[in-house]
């Protein structure tokens, strides 16, 4: 974890950071491996979530923002959940950390962590329409499958954002429900659930899909104007290479494509979005595409990643 103030970043041209190395041994997870870290912050705490690759499950960790700002020794609290394999933290959390995960194919679980030092984590469950989890294949024009069945996260909740009294959760979905023959979607898609935090119930369930290609790997963020932004990967259908896109999904349902052209089937699943700084009504999104290595054009395993940094706002 790297920490720096805006002034330090500017004055050092991005070279002055305080580093905290969070190894498995820090949490008494001997010989383990952590993966898929995500970060959010509330009024008083920084929240981190990540996966345990060997012991299984996911971890929620928090540190006081004041201690992080002092850049000295920091004391955190963490909880290890053995059942959910992936837990996503909500952006713009306020006085309570919020987290979302998938309990099973038709149930979402929401965790809350009040921002008092002695508070424990609570949760409630929300029934949703059954998530499609079979038939992920999505071929690019080069016949490369960018959504194979072995996708590490599958239908896990990878996007979480709080927009006032609402919690928005997003995940990748396949074509059909397990055990059924008929496809519900022509291509893999993105599912979104809107949950009332006060009523602890589902308000709406939305889908981002196309007749021509697939969508996957959503990340969500909300700004102070209570718009919810999304960053995602799309492509396939034998018509389009893997690309990156952004958009908004609450007040306006609109999307913008940030990349184009011929790409490989590699990459796509490390996608993020946050509010921009200091213009917090804007969104800043990260995504990437992969191109074949021009020095080794005949070797399909050799690719060059091209990350994209995108700042945008709702029109």
C-alpha atoms as a PDB file:
ATOM      1  CA  UNK A   1       0.000   0.000   0.000  1.00  0.00           C
ATOM      2  CA  UNK A   2       1.552   3.293  -1.131  1.00  0.00           C
ATOM      3  CA  UNK A   3       0.579   6.572   0.585  1.00  0.00           C
ATOM      4  CA  UNK A   4       1.241  10.174  -0.481  1.00  0.00           C
ATOM      5  CA  UNK A   5      -0.558  13.507  -0.262  1.00  0.00           C
ATOM      6  CA  UNK A   6      -1.428  15.501  -3.397  1.00  0.00           C
ATOM      7  CA  UNK A   7       1.281  18.025  -2.456  1.00  0.00           C
ATOM      8  CA  UNK A   8       3.899  15.283  -2.086  1.00  0.00           C
ATOM      9  CA  UNK A   9       2.940  13.803  -5.433  1.00  0.00           C
ATOM     10  CA  UNK A  10       3.204  17.185  -7.129  1.00  0.00           C
ATOM     11  CA  UNK A  11       6.420  18.317  -5.427  1.00  0.00           C
ATOM     12  CA  UNK A  12       8.225  15.003  -5.982  1.00  0.00           C
ATOM     13  CA  UNK A  13       6.780  14.410  -9.457  1.00  0.00           C
ATOM     14  CA  UNK A  14       5.271  11.178  -8.197  1.00  0.00           C
ATOM     15  CA  UNK A  15       8.424   9.828  -6.549  1.00  0.00           C
ATOM     16  CA  UNK A  16       7.717  10.326  -2.819  1.00  0.00           C
ATOM     17  CA  UNK A  17       5.641   7.564  -1.230  1.00  0.00           C
ATOM     18  CA  UNK A  18       5.361   5.772   2.106  1.00  0.00           C
ATOM     19  CA  UNK A  19       4.984   2.021   1.570  1.00  0.00           C
ATOM     20  CA  UNK A  20       3.256  -0.558   3.756  1.00  0.00           C
ATOM     21  CA  UNK A  21       3.835  -4.185   2.754  1.00  0.00           C
ATOM     22  CA  UNK A  22       0.832  -6.320   3.726  1.00  0.00           C
ATOM     23  CA  UNK A  23       2.085  -9.882   3.447  1.00  0.00           C
ATOM     24  CA  UNK A  24       0.162 -13.052   4.370  1.00  0.00           C
ATOM     25  CA  UNK A  25       2.374 -13.351   7.463  1.00  0.00           C
ATOM     26  CA  UNK A  26       1.024  -9.984   8.648  1.00  0.00           C
ATOM     27  CA  UNK A  27      -2.310 -11.748   9.113  1.00  0.00           C
ATOM     28  CA  UNK A  28      -0.857 -15.083  10.321  1.00  0.00           C
ATOM     29  CA  UNK A  29      -1.653 -16.698   6.956  1.00  0.00           C
ATOM     30  CA  UNK A  30       1.532 -18.699   6.577  1.00  0.00           C
ATOM     31  CA  UNK A  31       2.536 -19.700   3.029  1.00  0.00           C
ATOM     32  CA  UNK A  32      -0.586 -18.126   1.546  1.00  0.00           C
ATOM     33  CA  UNK A  33      -1.061 -15.811  -1.419  1.00  0.00           C
ATOM     34  CA  UNK A  34      -3.295 -12.736  -1.612  1.00  0.00           C
ATOM     35  CA  UNK A  35      -4.909 -11.520  -4.823  1.00  0.00           C
ATOM     36  CA  UNK A  36      -7.478  -9.109  -6.309  1.00  0.00           C
ATOM     37  CA  UNK A  37      -7.025  -6.199  -3.880  1.00  0.00           C
ATOM     38  CA  UNK A  38      -9.566  -3.380  -3.873  1.00  0.00           C
ATOM     39  CA  UNK A  39      -9.726  -0.175  -1.829  1.00  0.00           C
ATOM     40  CA  UNK A  40     -12.289   2.349  -0.590  1.00  0.00           C
ATOM     41  CA  UNK A  41     -12.523   4.935   2.167  1.00  0.00           C
ATOM     42  CA  UNK A  42     -15.136   6.370   4.493  1.00  0.00           C
ATOM     43  CA  UNK A  43     -15.106   9.361   6.818  1.00  0.00           C
ATOM     44  CA  UNK A  44     -12.531   7.869   9.191  1.00  0.00           C
ATOM     45  CA  UNK A  45     -11.200   4.602   7.748  1.00  0.00           C
ATOM     46  CA  UNK A  46      -9.487   3.192   4.680  1.00  0.00           C
ATOM     47  CA  UNK A  47     -10.903  -0.208   3.665  1.00  0.00           C
ATOM     48  CA  UNK A  48      -9.063  -2.954   1.791  1.00  0.00           C
ATOM     49  CA  UNK A  49     -10.478  -6.230   0.505  1.00  0.00           C
ATOM     50  CA  UNK A  50      -8.544  -9.115  -1.041  1.00  0.00           C
ATOM     51  CA  UNK A  51      -8.709 -12.865  -1.571  1.00  0.00           C
ATOM     52  CA  UNK A  52      -6.878 -15.714   0.102  1.00  0.00           C
ATOM     53  CA  UNK A  53      -5.705 -18.081  -2.631  1.00  0.00           C
ATOM     54  CA  UNK A  54      -4.777 -21.082  -0.463  1.00  0.00           C
ATOM     55  CA  UNK A  55      -6.957 -20.903   2.651  1.00  0.00           C
ATOM     56  CA  UNK A  56      -9.877 -19.603   0.614  1.00  0.00           C
ATOM     57  CA  UNK A  57     -12.352 -16.857   1.331  1.00  0.00           C
ATOM     58  CA  UNK A  58     -11.883 -13.109   1.443  1.00  0.00           C
ATOM     59  CA  UNK A  59     -10.592 -10.529   3.912  1.00  0.00           C
ATOM     60  CA  UNK A  60     -11.940  -7.101   4.886  1.00  0.00           C
ATOM     61  CA  UNK A  61      -9.299  -4.865   6.476  1.00  0.00           C
ATOM     62  CA  UNK A  62      -9.490  -1.286   7.689  1.00  0.00           C
ATOM     63  CA  UNK A  63      -6.994   1.320   8.918  1.00  0.00           C
ATOM     64  CA  UNK A  64      -7.696   4.740  10.529  1.00  0.00           C
ATOM     65  CA  UNK A  65      -7.164   7.494   7.972  1.00  0.00           C
ATOM     66  CA  UNK A  66      -5.514   9.682  10.600  1.00  0.00           C
ATOM     67  CA  UNK A  67      -2.771   7.105  11.226  1.00  0.00           C
ATOM     68  CA  UNK A  68      -2.243   6.644   7.496  1.00  0.00           C
ATOM     69  CA  UNK A  69      -1.913  10.423   7.086  1.00  0.00           C
ATOM     70  CA  UNK A  70       0.749  10.522   9.811  1.00  0.00           C
ATOM     71  CA  UNK A  71       2.732   7.875   7.864  1.00  0.00           C
ATOM     72  CA  UNK A  72       3.891   6.056  10.972  1.00  0.00           C
ATOM     73  CA  UNK A  73       2.975   2.670  12.413  1.00  0.00           C
ATOM     74  CA  UNK A  74      -0.666   1.891  11.681  1.00  0.00           C
ATOM     75  CA  UNK A  75      -2.974  -0.492  13.558  1.00  0.00           C
ATOM     76  CA  UNK A  76      -5.719  -2.187  11.574  1.00  0.00           C
ATOM     77  CA  UNK A  77      -8.689  -4.463  12.123  1.00  0.00           C
ATOM     78  CA  UNK A  78      -9.567  -7.323   9.807  1.00  0.00           C
ATOM     79  CA  UNK A  79     -12.085 -10.128   9.391  1.00  0.00           C
ATOM     80  CA  UNK A  80     -11.561 -13.287   7.330  1.00  0.00           C
ATOM     81  CA  UNK A  81     -14.665 -14.762   5.713  1.00  0.00           C
ATOM     82  CA  UNK A  82     -14.177 -18.364   4.631  1.00  0.00           C
ATOM     83  CA  UNK A  83     -17.270 -18.640   2.426  1.00  0.00           C
ATOM     84  CA  UNK A  84     -17.407 -15.727  -0.067  1.00  0.00           C
ATOM     85  CA  UNK A  85     -14.407 -15.935  -2.382  1.00  0.00           C
ATOM     86  CA  UNK A  86     -14.625 -12.276  -3.378  1.00  0.00           C
ATOM     87  CA  UNK A  87     -15.950  -9.253  -1.463  1.00  0.00           C
ATOM     88  CA  UNK A  88     -16.098  -5.806  -3.068  1.00  0.00           C
ATOM     89  CA  UNK A  89     -15.904  -2.545  -1.063  1.00  0.00           C
ATOM     90  CA  UNK A  90     -18.313   0.295  -1.817  1.00  0.00           C
ATOM     91  CA  UNK A  91     -17.041   3.698  -2.866  1.00  0.00           C
ATOM     92  CA  UNK A  92     -18.298   6.880  -1.139  1.00  0.00           C
ATOM     93  CA  UNK A  93     -19.208   5.072   2.081  1.00  0.00           C
ATOM     94  CA  UNK A  94     -19.596   7.912   4.602  1.00  0.00           C
ATOM     95  CA  UNK A  95     -19.820   6.883   8.255  1.00  0.00           C
ATOM     96  CA  UNK A  96     -20.119   3.142   7.582  1.00  0.00           C
ATOM     97  CA  UNK A  97     -18.124   0.816   5.376  1.00  0.00           C
ATOM     98  CA  UNK A  98     -20.294  -1.135   2.938  1.00  0.00           C
ATOM     99  CA  UNK A  99     -19.322  -4.309   1.090  1.00  0.00           C
ATOM    100  CA  UNK A 100     -21.088  -6.635  -1.320  1.00  0.00           C
ATOM    101  CA  UNK A 101     -20.683 -10.276  -2.236  1.00  0.00           C
ATOM    102  CA  UNK A 102     -22.597 -13.133  -3.817  1.00  0.00           C
ATOM    103  CA  UNK A 103     -23.801 -15.710  -1.311  1.00  0.00           C
ATOM    104  CA  UNK A 104     -25.237 -18.031  -3.978  1.00  0.00           C
ATOM    105  CA  UNK A 105     -26.742 -17.818  -7.467  1.00  0.00           C
ATOM    106  CA  UNK A 106     -29.892 -16.013  -6.224  1.00  0.00           C
ATOM    107  CA  UNK A 107     -28.728 -14.178  -3.095  1.00  0.00           C
ATOM    108  CA  UNK A 108     -26.519 -11.161  -2.486  1.00  0.00           C
ATOM    109  CA  UNK A 109     -25.021 -10.422   0.925  1.00  0.00           C
ATOM    110  CA  UNK A 110     -24.313  -6.889   2.138  1.00  0.00           C
ATOM    111  CA  UNK A 111     -21.836  -6.271   4.971  1.00  0.00           C
ATOM    112  CA  UNK A 112     -21.803  -3.060   7.018  1.00  0.00           C
ATOM    113  CA  UNK A 113     -19.050  -1.837   9.345  1.00  0.00           C
ATOM    114  CA  UNK A 114     -19.898   1.238  11.433  1.00  0.00           C
ATOM    115  CA  UNK A 115     -17.042   3.719  11.801  1.00  0.00           C
ATOM    116  CA  UNK A 116     -16.556   3.412  15.536  1.00  0.00           C
ATOM    117  CA  UNK A 117     -13.496   1.633  16.847  1.00  0.00           C
ATOM    118  CA  UNK A 118     -15.441  -1.024  18.752  1.00  0.00           C
ATOM    119  CA  UNK A 119     -18.071  -1.748  16.091  1.00  0.00           C
ATOM    120  CA  UNK A 120     -18.329  -5.190  14.555  1.00  0.00           C
ATOM    121  CA  UNK A 121     -19.387  -6.199  11.061  1.00  0.00           C
ATOM    122  CA  UNK A 122     -23.082  -6.875  10.453  1.00  0.00           C
ATOM    123  CA  UNK A 123     -24.819  -8.203   7.343  1.00  0.00           C
ATOM    124  CA  UNK A 124     -28.141  -8.781   5.614  1.00  0.00           C
ATOM    125  CA  UNK A 125     -29.123 -10.878   2.579  1.00  0.00           C
ATOM    126  CA  UNK A 126     -31.105  -9.796  -0.480  1.00  0.00           C
ATOM    127  CA  UNK A 127     -32.794 -12.224  -2.921  1.00  0.00           C
ATOM    128  CA  UNK A 128     -32.229 -11.417  -6.613  1.00  0.00           C
ATOM    129  CA  UNK A 129     -33.105 -13.022  -9.935  1.00  0.00           C
ATOM    130  CA  UNK A 130     -30.931 -16.095 -10.472  1.00  0.00           C
ATOM    131  CA  UNK A 131     -27.606 -15.192 -12.052  1.00  0.00           C
ATOM    132  CA  UNK A 132     -26.673 -16.896 -15.306  1.00  0.00           C
ATOM    133  CA  UNK A 133     -23.465 -18.827 -14.695  1.00  0.00           C
ATOM    134  CA  UNK A 134     -22.997 -21.154 -17.689  1.00  0.00           C
ATOM    135  CA  UNK A 135     -21.730 -20.660 -21.251  1.00  0.00           C
ATOM    136  CA  UNK A 136     -19.117 -17.919 -20.968  1.00  0.00           C
ATOM    137  CA  UNK A 137     -17.309 -18.399 -24.260  1.00  0.00           C
ATOM    138  CA  UNK A 138     -16.786 -15.179 -26.227  1.00  0.00           C
ATOM    139  CA  UNK A 139     -14.563 -15.340 -29.299  1.00  0.00           C
ATOM    140  CA  UNK A 140     -12.728 -12.401 -30.841  1.00  0.00           C
ATOM    141  CA  UNK A 141     -12.284 -12.108 -34.647  1.00  0.00           C
ATOM    142  CA  UNK A 142      -9.028 -14.047 -34.182  1.00  0.00           C
ATOM    143  CA  UNK A 143     -10.967 -16.918 -32.541  1.00  0.00           C
ATOM    144  CA  UNK A 144      -9.481 -16.153 -29.115  1.00  0.00           C
ATOM    145  CA  UNK A 145     -11.771 -16.760 -26.128  1.00  0.00           C
ATOM    146  CA  UNK A 146     -11.510 -13.805 -23.741  1.00  0.00           C
ATOM    147  CA  UNK A 147     -14.093 -15.225 -21.283  1.00  0.00           C
ATOM    148  CA  UNK A 148     -13.193 -18.888 -20.802  1.00  0.00           C
ATOM    149  CA  UNK A 149     -14.949 -21.058 -18.169  1.00  0.00           C
ATOM    150  CA  UNK A 150     -11.840 -20.853 -16.015  1.00  0.00           C
ATOM    151  CA  UNK A 151     -12.344 -17.123 -15.339  1.00  0.00           C
ATOM    152  CA  UNK A 152     -11.163 -16.637 -11.758  1.00  0.00           C
ATOM    153  CA  UNK A 153     -13.992 -14.433 -10.533  1.00  0.00           C
ATOM    154  CA  UNK A 154     -16.923 -15.660 -12.654  1.00  0.00           C
ATOM    155  CA  UNK A 155     -20.154 -14.151 -11.234  1.00  0.00           C
ATOM    156  CA  UNK A 156     -18.578 -12.500  -8.186  1.00  0.00           C
ATOM    157  CA  UNK A 157     -19.586  -8.946  -7.284  1.00  0.00           C
ATOM    158  CA  UNK A 158     -16.729  -6.831  -8.651  1.00  0.00           C
ATOM    159  CA  UNK A 159     -18.417  -3.420  -8.551  1.00  0.00           C
ATOM    160  CA  UNK A 160     -19.964  -1.768  -5.469  1.00  0.00           C
ATOM    161  CA  UNK A 161     -20.965   1.876  -4.951  1.00  0.00           C
ATOM    162  CA  UNK A 162     -23.102   3.799  -2.491  1.00  0.00           C
ATOM    163  CA  UNK A 163     -25.360   6.495  -3.936  1.00  0.00           C
ATOM    164  CA  UNK A 164     -27.022   8.056  -0.895  1.00  0.00           C
ATOM    165  CA  UNK A 165     -29.565   5.544   0.473  1.00  0.00           C
ATOM    166  CA  UNK A 166     -28.856   3.065  -2.333  1.00  0.00           C
ATOM    167  CA  UNK A 167     -26.159   0.427  -2.686  1.00  0.00           C
ATOM    168  CA  UNK A 168     -25.316  -0.577  -6.279  1.00  0.00           C
ATOM    169  CA  UNK A 169     -23.713  -3.971  -6.948  1.00  0.00           C
ATOM    170  CA  UNK A 170     -22.484  -5.271 -10.315  1.00  0.00           C
ATOM    171  CA  UNK A 171     -21.190  -8.623 -11.573  1.00  0.00           C
ATOM    172  CA  UNK A 172     -20.423 -10.574 -14.741  1.00  0.00           C
ATOM    173  CA  UNK A 173     -23.083 -12.991 -15.975  1.00  0.00           C
ATOM    174  CA  UNK A 174     -23.020 -15.767 -18.571  1.00  0.00           C
ATOM    175  CA  UNK A 175     -25.712 -16.817 -21.075  1.00  0.00           C
ATOM    176  CA  UNK A 176     -27.853 -19.257 -19.122  1.00  0.00           C
ATOM    177  CA  UNK A 177     -28.843 -20.483 -15.688  1.00  0.00           C
ATOM    178  CA  UNK A 178     -27.119 -23.650 -14.549  1.00  0.00           C
ATOM    179  CA  UNK A 179     -29.046 -26.770 -15.561  1.00  0.00           C
ATOM    180  CA  UNK A 180     -31.118 -25.112 -18.277  1.00  0.00           C
ATOM    181  CA  UNK A 181     -30.770 -25.620 -22.014  1.00  0.00           C
ATOM    182  CA  UNK A 182     -32.023 -22.281 -23.289  1.00  0.00           C
ATOM    183  CA  UNK A 183     -29.909 -19.131 -23.224  1.00  0.00           C
ATOM    184  CA  UNK A 184     -31.374 -16.058 -21.526  1.00  0.00           C
ATOM    185  CA  UNK A 185     -28.789 -13.756 -23.144  1.00  0.00           C
ATOM    186  CA  UNK A 186     -27.115 -14.058 -26.570  1.00  0.00           C
ATOM    187  CA  UNK A 187     -23.727 -13.202 -25.038  1.00  0.00           C
ATOM    188  CA  UNK A 188     -22.239 -12.840 -21.540  1.00  0.00           C
ATOM    189  CA  UNK A 189     -23.457  -9.669 -19.880  1.00  0.00           C
ATOM    190  CA  UNK A 190     -23.211  -7.431 -16.805  1.00  0.00           C
ATOM    191  CA  UNK A 191     -25.860  -7.623 -14.076  1.00  0.00           C
ATOM    192  CA  UNK A 192     -26.605  -4.757 -11.677  1.00  0.00           C
ATOM    193  CA  UNK A 193     -28.662  -4.769  -8.469  1.00  0.00           C
ATOM    194  CA  UNK A 194     -29.888  -1.647  -6.683  1.00  0.00           C
ATOM    195  CA  UNK A 195     -30.516  -2.201  -2.966  1.00  0.00           C
ATOM    196  CA  UNK A 196     -32.234   0.056  -0.438  1.00  0.00           C
ATOM    197  CA  UNK A 197     -29.947   0.313   2.586  1.00  0.00           C
ATOM    198  CA  UNK A 198     -32.776   1.479   4.818  1.00  0.00           C
ATOM    199  CA  UNK A 199     -35.320  -1.105   3.644  1.00  0.00           C
ATOM    200  CA  UNK A 200     -32.707  -3.839   3.090  1.00  0.00           C
ATOM    201  CA  UNK A 201     -34.471  -4.886  -0.095  1.00  0.00           C
ATOM    202  CA  UNK A 202     -33.960  -5.012  -3.829  1.00  0.00           C
ATOM    203  CA  UNK A 203     -35.142  -1.868  -5.630  1.00  0.00           C
ATOM    204  CA  UNK A 204     -34.212  -2.819  -9.194  1.00  0.00           C
ATOM    205  CA  UNK A 205     -32.184  -5.292 -11.243  1.00  0.00           C
ATOM    206  CA  UNK A 206     -30.637  -4.089 -14.507  1.00  0.00           C
ATOM    207  CA  UNK A 207     -28.588  -5.654 -17.303  1.00  0.00           C
ATOM    208  CA  UNK A 208     -25.955  -4.343 -19.695  1.00  0.00           C
ATOM    209  CA  UNK A 209     -25.992  -6.631 -22.730  1.00  0.00           C
ATOM    210  CA  UNK A 210     -25.773  -6.736 -26.518  1.00  0.00           C
ATOM    211  CA  UNK A 211     -26.957  -8.974 -29.341  1.00  0.00           C
ATOM    212  CA  UNK A 212     -23.505  -8.729 -30.904  1.00  0.00           C
ATOM    213  CA  UNK A 213     -20.833  -9.044 -28.201  1.00  0.00           C
ATOM    214  CA  UNK A 214     -20.153  -9.655 -24.504  1.00  0.00           C
ATOM    215  CA  UNK A 215     -19.755  -7.378 -21.482  1.00  0.00           C
ATOM    216  CA  UNK A 216     -17.833  -8.307 -18.328  1.00  0.00           C
ATOM    217  CA  UNK A 217     -15.689  -7.225 -15.354  1.00  0.00           C
ATOM    218  CA  UNK A 218     -17.693  -4.207 -14.092  1.00  0.00           C
ATOM    219  CA  UNK A 219     -16.399  -1.717 -11.543  1.00  0.00           C
ATOM    220  CA  UNK A 220     -18.644   0.960  -9.992  1.00  0.00           C
ATOM    221  CA  UNK A 221     -18.209   4.298  -8.225  1.00  0.00           C
ATOM    222  CA  UNK A 222     -20.596   7.056  -7.102  1.00  0.00           C
ATOM    223  CA  UNK A 223     -19.918  10.783  -6.999  1.00  0.00           C
ATOM    224  CA  UNK A 224     -21.322  13.401  -4.568  1.00  0.00           C
ATOM    225  CA  UNK A 225     -24.032  14.215  -7.149  1.00  0.00           C
ATOM    226  CA  UNK A 226     -25.201  10.595  -6.643  1.00  0.00           C
ATOM    227  CA  UNK A 227     -24.498   9.517 -10.208  1.00  0.00           C
ATOM    228  CA  UNK A 228     -23.053   5.997 -10.500  1.00  0.00           C
ATOM    229  CA  UNK A 229     -20.230   5.480 -12.981  1.00  0.00           C
ATOM    230  CA  UNK A 230     -19.161   2.166 -14.490  1.00  0.00           C
ATOM    231  CA  UNK A 231     -15.956   0.883 -16.079  1.00  0.00           C
ATOM    232  CA  UNK A 232     -16.073  -2.414 -17.970  1.00  0.00           C
ATOM    233  CA  UNK A 233     -14.599  -4.684 -20.648  1.00  0.00           C
ATOM    234  CA  UNK A 234     -16.476  -5.695 -23.788  1.00  0.00           C
ATOM    235  CA  UNK A 235     -15.921  -7.525 -27.055  1.00  0.00           C
ATOM    236  CA  UNK A 236     -16.235 -10.923 -28.701  1.00  0.00           C
ATOM    237  CA  UNK A 237     -19.064 -12.283 -30.771  1.00  0.00           C
ATOM    238  CA  UNK A 238     -16.444 -12.887 -33.465  1.00  0.00           C
ATOM    239  CA  UNK A 239     -16.988  -9.242 -34.488  1.00  0.00           C
ATOM    240  CA  UNK A 240     -14.992  -7.210 -31.985  1.00  0.00           C
ATOM    241  CA  UNK A 241     -11.667  -7.506 -30.209  1.00  0.00           C
ATOM    242  CA  UNK A 242     -11.470  -7.019 -26.457  1.00  0.00           C
ATOM    243  CA  UNK A 243     -12.032  -3.333 -25.605  1.00  0.00           C
ATOM    244  CA  UNK A 244     -12.642  -0.999 -22.660  1.00  0.00           C
ATOM    245  CA  UNK A 245     -15.610   1.269 -21.993  1.00  0.00           C
ATOM    246  CA  UNK A 246     -17.077   3.591 -19.371  1.00  0.00           C
ATOM    247  CA  UNK A 247     -20.471   5.103 -18.648  1.00  0.00           C
ATOM    248  CA  UNK A 248     -23.129   6.065 -16.118  1.00  0.00           C
ATOM    249  CA  UNK A 249     -26.025   3.908 -14.944  1.00  0.00           C
ATOM    250  CA  UNK A 250     -28.119   5.785 -12.361  1.00  0.00           C
ATOM    251  CA  UNK A 251     -29.450   9.150 -13.524  1.00  0.00           C
ATOM    252  CA  UNK A 252     -28.425   8.563 -17.117  1.00  0.00           C
ATOM    253  CA  UNK A 253     -27.948   5.202 -18.827  1.00  0.00           C
ATOM    254  CA  UNK A 254     -25.186   6.093 -21.292  1.00  0.00           C
ATOM    255  CA  UNK A 255     -21.870   4.556 -22.329  1.00  0.00           C
ATOM    256  CA  UNK A 256     -18.680   5.644 -24.073  1.00  0.00           C
ATOM    257  CA  UNK A 257     -16.085   3.472 -25.796  1.00  0.00           C
ATOM    258  CA  UNK A 258     -12.506   4.331 -24.840  1.00  0.00           C
ATOM    259  CA  UNK A 259     -10.606   1.951 -27.136  1.00  0.00           C
ATOM    260  CA  UNK A 260     -11.006   0.470 -30.594  1.00  0.00           C
ATOM    261  CA  UNK A 261      -9.138  -1.510 -33.204  1.00  0.00           C
ATOM    262  CA  UNK A 262      -7.612  -4.959 -33.320  1.00  0.00           C
ATOM    263  CA  UNK A 263      -6.629  -6.481 -29.970  1.00  0.00           C
ATOM    264  CA  UNK A 264      -5.860  -9.914 -28.583  1.00  0.00           C
ATOM    265  CA  UNK A 265      -8.140 -11.904 -26.310  1.00  0.00           C
ATOM    266  CA  UNK A 266      -5.823 -11.307 -23.374  1.00  0.00           C
ATOM    267  CA  UNK A 267      -6.646  -9.069 -20.428  1.00  0.00           C
ATOM    268  CA  UNK A 268      -9.695  -7.048 -19.501  1.00  0.00           C
ATOM    269  CA  UNK A 269     -10.379  -8.116 -15.934  1.00  0.00           C
ATOM    270  CA  UNK A 270      -8.356  -5.506 -14.025  1.00  0.00           C
ATOM    271  CA  UNK A 271     -10.815  -2.630 -14.458  1.00  0.00           C
ATOM    272  CA  UNK A 272     -11.445   0.155 -11.929  1.00  0.00           C
ATOM    273  CA  UNK A 273     -13.316   3.446 -11.525  1.00  0.00           C
ATOM    274  CA  UNK A 274     -13.197   6.188  -8.872  1.00  0.00           C
ATOM    275  CA  UNK A 275     -14.267   9.793  -8.474  1.00  0.00           C
ATOM    276  CA  UNK A 276     -11.678  12.236  -9.788  1.00  0.00           C
ATOM    277  CA  UNK A 277      -9.742  14.723  -7.662  1.00  0.00           C
ATOM    278  CA  UNK A 278     -10.170  17.622  -7.080  1.00  0.00           C
ATOM    279  CA  UNK A 279     -13.158  17.671  -9.479  1.00  0.00           C
ATOM    280  CA  UNK A 280     -15.084  15.014  -7.570  1.00  0.00           C
ATOM    281  CA  UNK A 281     -18.157  15.140  -9.802  1.00  0.00           C
ATOM    282  CA  UNK A 282     -15.970  13.669 -12.558  1.00  0.00           C
ATOM    283  CA  UNK A 283     -15.041  10.012 -12.768  1.00  0.00           C
ATOM    284  CA  UNK A 284     -11.601   8.563 -13.442  1.00  0.00           C
ATOM    285  CA  UNK A 285     -11.464   5.036 -14.860  1.00  0.00           C
ATOM    286  CA  UNK A 286      -8.714   2.571 -15.577  1.00  0.00           C
ATOM    287  CA  UNK A 287      -8.759  -0.217 -18.134  1.00  0.00           C
ATOM    288  CA  UNK A 288      -6.489  -1.779 -20.692  1.00  0.00           C
ATOM    289  CA  UNK A 289      -6.252  -3.633 -23.955  1.00  0.00           C
ATOM    290  CA  UNK A 290      -3.573  -6.022 -25.136  1.00  0.00           C
ATOM    291  CA  UNK A 291      -1.878  -6.015 -28.530  1.00  0.00           C
ATOM    292  CA  UNK A 292       0.314  -8.659 -30.068  1.00  0.00           C
ATOM    293  CA  UNK A 293       4.002  -8.062 -29.508  1.00  0.00           C
ATOM    294  CA  UNK A 294       5.274  -6.577 -32.799  1.00  0.00           C
ATOM    295  CA  UNK A 295       8.669  -8.111 -32.125  1.00  0.00           C
ATOM    296  CA  UNK A 296       7.133 -11.613 -31.926  1.00  0.00           C
ATOM    297  CA  UNK A 297       4.070 -11.533 -34.199  1.00  0.00           C
ATOM    298  CA  UNK A 298       3.957 -15.307 -34.645  1.00  0.00           C
ATOM    299  CA  UNK A 299       3.820 -16.092 -30.913  1.00  0.00           C
ATOM    300  CA  UNK A 300       0.210 -15.628 -29.621  1.00  0.00           C
ATOM    301  CA  UNK A 301       1.393 -15.795 -26.000  1.00  0.00           C
ATOM    302  CA  UNK A 302       3.494 -12.637 -26.368  1.00  0.00           C
ATOM    303  CA  UNK A 303       1.410  -9.518 -25.862  1.00  0.00           C
ATOM    304  CA  UNK A 304       1.957  -5.889 -24.901  1.00  0.00           C
ATOM    305  CA  UNK A 305      -0.541  -4.361 -22.467  1.00  0.00           C
ATOM    306  CA  UNK A 306      -1.780  -0.833 -23.109  1.00  0.00           C
ATOM    307  CA  UNK A 307      -3.370   0.728 -19.990  1.00  0.00           C
ATOM    308  CA  UNK A 308      -5.867   3.567 -20.381  1.00  0.00           C
ATOM    309  CA  UNK A 309      -6.568   6.395 -17.912  1.00  0.00           C
ATOM    310  CA  UNK A 310      -9.901   8.046 -18.651  1.00  0.00           C
ATOM    311  CA  UNK A 311     -11.519  11.088 -17.017  1.00  0.00           C
ATOM    312  CA  UNK A 312     -15.181  11.667 -17.866  1.00  0.00           C
ATOM    313  CA  UNK A 313     -18.498  13.001 -16.620  1.00  0.00           C
ATOM    314  CA  UNK A 314     -22.134  12.500 -17.461  1.00  0.00           C
ATOM    315  CA  UNK A 315     -23.204  14.688 -20.387  1.00  0.00           C
END
